[in-house]
Amino acid sequence: MLPRRKSLTSYTTMCPFQAMNTMSPIHAAREYVLEAVQRPALASALPESTQAKVRHSDIWLNQFKRIGDLFAYLKRFSADKQDGIYLEMHALGLQTFEDIVEPFEKRFGDWVGDRMRASDFVIGETYSAHDILIFSANYDTRAGGMFVIESDGLPTAVVIKATLSGGRYANEWLEQGRRLKCFLKSKTLKDGSVQFGEHFKPNAAILNVPGLPVLAFVRHTSNDRFVYAGAFSFHQLHVEADGAKWFELVLTIPTEVIADAGYVQRQLQDRVASALSQSQQQRLERLANAPKKPKTIRTVSTAFVRNPDVIAEVLFRAEGQCEGCKRPAPFC
């Protein structure tokens, strides 16, 4: 008699926590939160209004690319015993984010310090609003377009999301990719007037901290993704006739900056076109004050992973002769 064949599921079925061992760290971390909190909550008798809030947090969970940022998100939920959602979930014996912070840290302790850094952003690459908010440690998509990054209570950078069209006060390029007009953070008052308060936290940081990096993410319309334009510095405050105030920000190019190669080339073409539209005298005046050695930056580029068999077949078929110009190899 042949030995009885074992069920295939005995080899392939494993509990979700076992499956985490085969995942990348960030995927395992997200799965841990889903399995410990989210899925039980959505399968429970929680009111639909509360389940809707749980589903909303699912959207955020899927956006995290580093475990340290996910950990920071979990820690923001304080164990407020009077919080409605906390009470509802505990009444049904469910775990909350507050409950899993400590076991999460123990399980993923090697990675909880790994968070997004300014150097992660590549000039010319596109980013979602969630990417920017996670870096800024602000999880409210309605929070506006300026955020202060702090260390030990002191500003270390300001992040801006600048839209170039639409709205009463549209930002704009004064010089493409180099000088940005960006309106101050403002507040609309009850009478309909707009207050551009220099005391508002992001405005005060830019105005009062010399050399503070302003990381600019720019898009043309509200339907577009943001393009990282680089780190800028405050140059001048402008006040318009109606009281509107805007920063003139100038691009700074630190040596560690990384830019998309195509974006750098397009920016150069735009600047050459701008230079050609001006007089020779203007160009010569700038050249007289220009540094003799240009700055260098690191670039990244996108390339096709070409099929070597296609290349080999074309070379074989050509028999040492270019199929285009019919000249003998080597091909240019």
Protein backbone atom coordinates (compact mmCIF):
# COMPACT_ATOMS: atom_id res chain seq x y z
CA MET A 1 0.00 0.00 0.00
CA LEU A 2 1.29 3.41 -0.91
CA PRO A 3 1.93 5.78 1.98
CA ARG A 4 -0.88 8.21 2.59
CA ARG A 5 -0.19 11.55 0.95
CA LYS A 6 -0.10 14.49 3.31
CA SER A 7 -2.45 17.37 2.69
CA LEU A 8 -0.86 20.20 0.75
CA THR A 9 -2.17 22.65 3.31
CA SER A 10 0.01 21.06 5.97
CA TYR A 11 3.03 22.38 4.07
CA THR A 12 1.71 25.75 2.97
CA THR A 13 -0.64 26.98 5.66
CA MET A 14 0.90 29.06 8.40
CA CYS A 15 -0.46 31.61 10.81
CA PRO A 16 -0.06 35.29 9.89
CA PHE A 17 2.64 35.84 12.51
CA GLN A 18 4.69 32.93 11.08
CA ALA A 19 4.25 34.37 7.60
CA MET A 20 5.82 37.63 8.79
CA ASN A 21 9.18 35.88 9.01
CA THR A 22 9.24 35.62 5.21
CA MET A 23 8.44 39.31 4.64
CA SER A 24 10.60 42.40 4.45
CA PRO A 25 10.78 44.23 7.80
CA ILE A 26 8.36 47.02 6.85
CA HIS A 27 5.86 44.57 5.35
CA ALA A 28 6.09 42.44 8.49
CA ALA A 29 5.56 45.51 10.67
CA ARG A 30 2.47 46.56 8.75
CA GLU A 31 1.14 43.00 8.85
CA TYR A 32 1.69 42.88 12.61
CA VAL A 33 -0.47 45.98 13.12
CA LEU A 34 -3.14 44.70 10.74
CA GLU A 35 -3.32 41.31 12.43
CA ALA A 36 -3.20 42.64 15.99
CA VAL A 37 -5.58 45.59 15.67
CA GLN A 38 -7.14 46.33 12.31
CA ARG A 39 -8.57 43.00 11.15
CA PRO A 40 -10.09 42.02 14.51
CA ALA A 41 -11.70 45.47 14.74
CA LEU A 42 -13.23 45.23 11.26
CA ALA A 43 -14.55 41.73 11.99
CA SER A 44 -16.12 42.81 15.29
CA ALA A 45 -19.41 44.32 16.37
CA LEU A 46 -17.99 47.84 16.44
CA PRO A 47 -20.40 50.50 15.13
CA GLU A 48 -20.00 51.32 11.45
CA SER A 49 -18.86 54.86 12.27
CA THR A 50 -15.98 53.46 14.33
CA GLN A 51 -15.09 50.87 11.70
CA ALA A 52 -14.91 53.70 9.15
CA LYS A 53 -12.21 55.32 11.29
CA VAL A 54 -10.35 52.01 11.46
CA ARG A 55 -10.46 51.74 7.67
CA HIS A 56 -9.14 55.29 7.41
CA SER A 57 -6.09 54.34 9.48
CA ASP A 58 -5.55 51.44 7.04
CA ILE A 59 -4.88 54.04 4.36
CA TRP A 60 -2.06 55.46 6.45
CA LEU A 61 -0.59 52.07 7.31
CA ASN A 62 -0.09 51.29 3.63
CA GLN A 63 1.91 54.48 3.11
CA PHE A 64 4.76 53.81 5.52
CA LYS A 65 8.07 52.78 3.96
CA ARG A 66 10.20 52.81 7.13
CA ILE A 67 9.45 51.09 10.42
CA GLY A 68 10.54 54.10 12.49
CA ASP A 69 7.88 56.25 10.86
CA LEU A 70 5.21 53.62 11.49
CA PHE A 71 6.34 53.41 15.12
CA ALA A 72 6.10 57.20 15.48
CA TYR A 73 2.56 57.02 14.07
CA LEU A 74 1.55 54.37 16.62
CA LYS A 75 3.06 56.31 19.52
CA ARG A 76 0.98 59.39 18.77
CA PHE A 77 -2.08 57.55 20.11
CA SER A 78 -1.97 58.21 23.84
CA ALA A 79 -3.76 55.80 26.16
CA ASP A 80 -6.56 58.23 26.94
CA LYS A 81 -8.99 56.18 29.00
CA GLN A 82 -11.83 58.50 28.02
CA ASP A 83 -11.26 58.28 24.27
CA GLY A 84 -14.43 56.98 22.63
CA ILE A 85 -12.76 54.57 20.20
CA TYR A 86 -10.44 53.26 22.92
CA LEU A 87 -13.42 52.54 25.20
CA GLU A 88 -15.48 50.92 22.43
CA MET A 89 -12.67 48.59 21.37
CA HIS A 90 -11.73 47.61 24.91
CA ALA A 91 -15.36 46.89 25.73
CA LEU A 92 -15.25 44.22 23.01
CA GLY A 93 -11.88 42.85 24.15
CA LEU A 94 -10.05 44.35 21.16
CA GLN A 95 -6.51 45.69 21.13
CA THR A 96 -5.80 49.28 20.15
CA PHE A 97 -2.70 51.02 18.81
CA GLU A 98 -1.96 52.11 22.38
CA ASP A 99 -1.83 48.47 23.48
CA ILE A 100 0.66 47.30 20.87
CA VAL A 101 3.26 50.08 21.07
CA GLU A 102 5.43 48.22 23.59
CA PRO A 103 5.27 44.76 21.92
CA PHE A 104 5.80 46.42 18.53
CA GLU A 105 8.98 48.07 19.82
CA LYS A 106 10.24 44.77 21.23
CA ARG A 107 9.52 42.89 18.02
CA PHE A 108 10.94 45.48 15.62
CA GLY A 109 13.45 47.16 17.92
CA ASP A 110 16.29 46.96 15.39
CA TRP A 111 14.36 49.21 13.00
CA VAL A 112 12.32 51.62 15.15
CA GLY A 113 15.00 54.30 14.74
CA ASP A 114 14.89 54.07 10.95
CA ARG A 115 12.88 57.06 9.74
CA MET A 116 12.63 59.12 6.57
CA ARG A 117 15.42 61.64 6.10
CA ALA A 118 15.72 64.74 3.94
CA SER A 119 18.41 62.93 1.94
CA ASP A 120 15.81 60.34 0.89
CA PHE A 121 14.19 62.89 -1.41
CA VAL A 122 15.53 63.16 -4.95
CA ILE A 123 15.20 66.45 -6.80
CA GLY A 124 12.86 65.99 -9.74
CA GLU A 125 11.18 62.86 -8.36
CA THR A 126 7.47 62.87 -7.53
CA TYR A 127 6.03 62.23 -4.07
CA SER A 128 2.55 61.87 -2.64
CA ALA A 129 1.06 64.12 0.01
CA HIS A 130 1.26 61.13 2.37
CA ASP A 131 5.03 60.84 1.80
CA ILE A 132 5.49 64.49 2.74
CA LEU A 133 3.21 64.31 5.76
CA ILE A 134 4.92 61.19 7.09
CA PHE A 135 8.31 62.90 6.85
CA SER A 136 6.80 65.91 8.64
CA ALA A 137 5.21 63.65 11.30
CA ASN A 138 1.84 65.21 10.56
CA TYR A 139 -0.97 62.81 9.78
CA ASP A 140 -3.77 65.23 8.90
CA THR A 141 -4.26 65.62 5.15
CA ARG A 142 -6.15 68.87 5.83
CA ALA A 143 -3.24 70.39 7.74
CA GLY A 144 -2.17 72.90 5.10
CA GLY A 145 1.09 73.29 3.25
CA MET A 146 3.83 74.25 5.72
CA PHE A 147 5.37 72.16 8.51
CA VAL A 148 8.24 72.70 10.92
CA ILE A 149 10.69 69.85 11.52
CA GLU A 150 12.14 70.05 15.03
CA SER A 151 14.87 68.45 17.08
CA ASP A 152 14.90 68.97 20.85
CA GLY A 153 12.24 71.64 20.41
CA LEU A 154 14.25 73.71 17.91
CA PRO A 155 13.48 74.10 14.18
CA THR A 156 15.83 72.18 11.89
CA ALA A 157 13.88 72.60 8.63
CA VAL A 158 10.57 73.71 7.19
CA VAL A 159 8.66 71.63 4.66
CA ILE A 160 6.40 73.39 2.16
CA LYS A 161 3.87 72.02 -0.29
CA ALA A 162 3.49 74.70 -2.96
CA THR A 163 0.74 74.63 -5.60
CA LEU A 164 1.37 76.93 -8.56
CA SER A 165 -2.20 77.49 -9.73
CA GLY A 166 -5.65 77.88 -8.28
CA GLY A 167 -6.67 79.68 -5.15
CA ARG A 168 -6.55 83.32 -4.25
CA TYR A 169 -2.82 83.34 -3.57
CA ALA A 170 -1.03 81.08 -6.04
CA ASN A 171 2.68 80.45 -5.60
CA GLU A 172 4.94 80.75 -8.64
CA TRP A 173 8.45 80.33 -9.95
CA LEU A 174 10.30 83.64 -10.17
CA GLU A 175 13.07 81.72 -11.90
CA GLN A 176 12.27 78.16 -12.89
CA GLY A 177 13.70 75.71 -10.39
CA ARG A 178 15.85 78.38 -8.71
CA ARG A 179 13.75 81.13 -7.10
CA LEU A 180 10.32 80.43 -5.66
CA LYS A 181 7.56 82.81 -4.63
CA CYS A 182 5.78 81.18 -1.70
CA PHE A 183 3.04 82.86 0.31
CA LEU A 184 3.31 82.76 4.07
CA LYS A 185 1.12 80.41 6.07
CA SER A 186 -2.12 82.30 6.53
CA LYS A 187 -5.47 82.19 8.29
CA THR A 188 -8.82 83.34 6.95
CA LEU A 189 -10.66 85.41 9.55
CA LYS A 190 -14.41 85.56 10.16
CA ASP A 191 -14.75 88.77 8.14
CA GLY A 192 -13.19 87.07 5.11
CA SER A 193 -9.84 88.82 5.38
CA VAL A 194 -6.63 86.82 5.33
CA GLN A 195 -4.01 87.12 8.06
CA PHE A 196 -0.42 86.39 6.98
CA GLY A 197 0.89 86.16 10.52
CA GLU A 198 4.65 86.32 10.79
CA HIS A 199 4.19 84.74 14.23
CA PHE A 200 2.70 81.55 12.79
CA LYS A 201 5.13 78.76 13.56
CA PRO A 202 6.43 77.94 10.02
CA ASN A 203 6.63 81.64 9.11
CA ALA A 204 8.51 82.50 12.30
CA ALA A 205 10.96 79.64 11.77
CA ILE A 206 11.82 80.77 8.23
CA LEU A 207 12.14 84.43 9.25
CA ASN A 208 14.04 83.97 12.50
CA VAL A 209 16.40 81.03 11.96
CA PRO A 210 19.24 82.04 9.61
CA GLY A 211 20.01 79.50 6.90
CA LEU A 212 17.12 77.23 7.86
CA PRO A 213 16.57 74.70 5.03
CA VAL A 214 13.16 74.98 3.38
CA LEU A 215 12.36 71.71 1.62
CA ALA A 216 10.08 72.58 -1.28
CA PHE A 217 7.61 70.19 -2.91
CA VAL A 218 5.91 71.81 -5.89
CA ARG A 219 2.97 70.88 -8.11
CA HIS A 220 1.11 72.76 -10.83
CA THR A 221 -2.46 71.85 -9.85
CA SER A 222 -4.16 70.19 -6.91
CA ASN A 223 -4.61 67.05 -9.03
CA ASP A 224 -0.86 66.56 -9.54
CA ARG A 225 1.67 64.73 -7.41
CA PHE A 226 4.34 66.88 -5.82
CA VAL A 227 7.81 67.18 -7.34
CA TYR A 228 10.69 67.69 -4.95
CA ALA A 229 12.39 70.91 -6.02
CA GLY A 230 15.19 70.85 -3.44
CA ALA A 231 16.29 72.69 -0.31
CA PHE A 232 15.79 76.45 -0.44
CA SER A 233 16.78 79.29 1.86
CA PHE A 234 14.95 82.48 2.76
CA HIS A 235 16.09 85.48 0.73
CA GLN A 236 13.52 88.24 1.22
CA LEU A 237 10.04 88.98 2.57
CA HIS A 238 7.69 90.78 0.18
CA VAL A 239 4.45 92.58 1.08
CA GLU A 240 1.84 93.27 -1.60
CA ALA A 241 -0.60 96.17 -1.73
CA ASP A 242 -3.46 94.14 -0.22
CA GLY A 243 -1.31 93.03 2.70
CA ALA A 244 -0.48 89.58 1.31
CA LYS A 245 3.03 88.45 2.23
CA TRP A 246 5.30 86.02 0.47
CA PHE A 247 8.75 84.56 0.87
CA GLU A 248 11.32 84.77 -1.89
CA LEU A 249 13.16 81.46 -1.57
CA VAL A 250 16.42 80.64 -3.33
CA LEU A 251 17.66 77.14 -4.13
CA THR A 252 20.72 76.00 -2.23
CA ILE A 253 22.82 73.12 -3.54
CA PRO A 254 24.56 71.23 -0.74
CA THR A 255 27.10 68.65 -1.82
CA GLU A 256 24.97 65.73 -0.61
CA VAL A 257 21.97 66.60 -2.79
CA ILE A 258 20.69 63.92 -5.15
CA ALA A 259 18.79 64.87 -8.29
CA ASP A 260 17.08 63.04 -11.12
CA ALA A 261 19.38 63.26 -14.15
CA GLY A 262 16.54 64.04 -16.56
CA TYR A 263 15.24 66.78 -14.29
CA VAL A 264 18.70 68.38 -14.11
CA GLN A 265 18.93 68.36 -17.91
CA ARG A 266 15.47 69.89 -18.32
CA GLN A 267 16.29 72.60 -15.79
CA LEU A 268 19.49 73.41 -17.67
CA GLN A 269 17.61 73.69 -20.97
CA ASP A 270 15.08 76.06 -19.37
CA ARG A 271 17.86 78.22 -17.94
CA VAL A 272 19.73 78.30 -21.27
CA ALA A 273 16.52 79.44 -23.00
CA SER A 274 16.10 82.14 -20.35
CA ALA A 275 19.72 83.26 -20.77
CA LEU A 276 19.33 83.46 -24.56
CA SER A 277 16.28 85.69 -24.15
CA GLN A 278 18.40 88.26 -22.29
CA SER A 279 21.07 90.60 -23.58
CA GLN A 280 24.71 89.68 -23.98
CA GLN A 281 25.61 92.39 -21.48
CA GLN A 282 23.42 90.74 -18.82
CA ARG A 283 25.04 87.38 -19.46
CA LEU A 284 28.56 88.83 -19.32
CA GLU A 285 27.80 90.60 -16.04
CA ARG A 286 26.69 87.33 -14.47
CA LEU A 287 29.68 85.48 -15.90
CA ALA A 288 32.05 88.00 -14.33
CA ASN A 289 30.73 87.03 -10.88
CA ALA A 290 30.20 83.33 -11.54
CA PRO A 291 32.40 80.75 -9.78
CA LYS A 292 35.20 79.38 -11.96
CA LYS A 293 34.44 75.80 -10.97
CA PRO A 294 30.81 74.65 -11.18
CA LYS A 295 29.21 72.84 -8.26
CA THR A 296 28.75 69.10 -8.51
CA ILE A 297 25.76 67.02 -7.48
CA ARG A 298 24.97 63.33 -7.55
CA THR A 299 22.29 62.30 -10.03
CA VAL A 300 20.13 59.24 -10.52
CA SER A 301 18.73 58.16 -13.84
CA THR A 302 16.10 55.75 -15.09
CA ALA A 303 17.12 53.20 -17.70
CA PHE A 304 15.52 50.22 -19.41
CA VAL A 305 16.77 46.80 -18.31
CA ARG A 306 17.47 45.63 -21.84
CA ASN A 307 17.08 42.03 -22.93
CA PRO A 308 20.54 40.60 -23.75
CA ASP A 309 19.03 38.05 -26.14
CA VAL A 310 17.51 40.83 -28.25
CA ILE A 311 20.89 42.58 -28.44
CA ALA A 312 22.68 39.33 -29.29
CA GLU A 313 20.18 38.47 -32.03
CA VAL A 314 20.52 41.90 -33.64
CA LEU A 315 24.32 41.64 -33.59
CA PHE A 316 24.15 38.11 -35.01
CA ARG A 317 21.76 39.16 -37.76
CA ALA A 318 23.86 42.21 -38.65
CA GLU A 319 26.93 40.07 -39.43
CA GLY A 320 29.24 42.98 -38.69
CA GLN A 321 27.29 45.53 -40.72
CA CYS A 322 25.01 48.27 -39.39
CA GLU A 323 21.41 47.61 -40.45
CA GLY A 324 20.79 51.37 -40.62
CA CYS A 325 23.75 52.94 -42.42
CA LYS A 326 25.14 49.65 -43.87
CA ARG A 327 28.64 50.54 -42.70
CA PRO A 328 30.92 47.92 -41.14
CA ALA A 329 31.37 47.62 -37.38
CA PRO A 330 32.22 49.01 -34.88
CA PHE A 331 28.80 50.64 -34.59
CA CYS A 332 28.54 54.16 -33.23
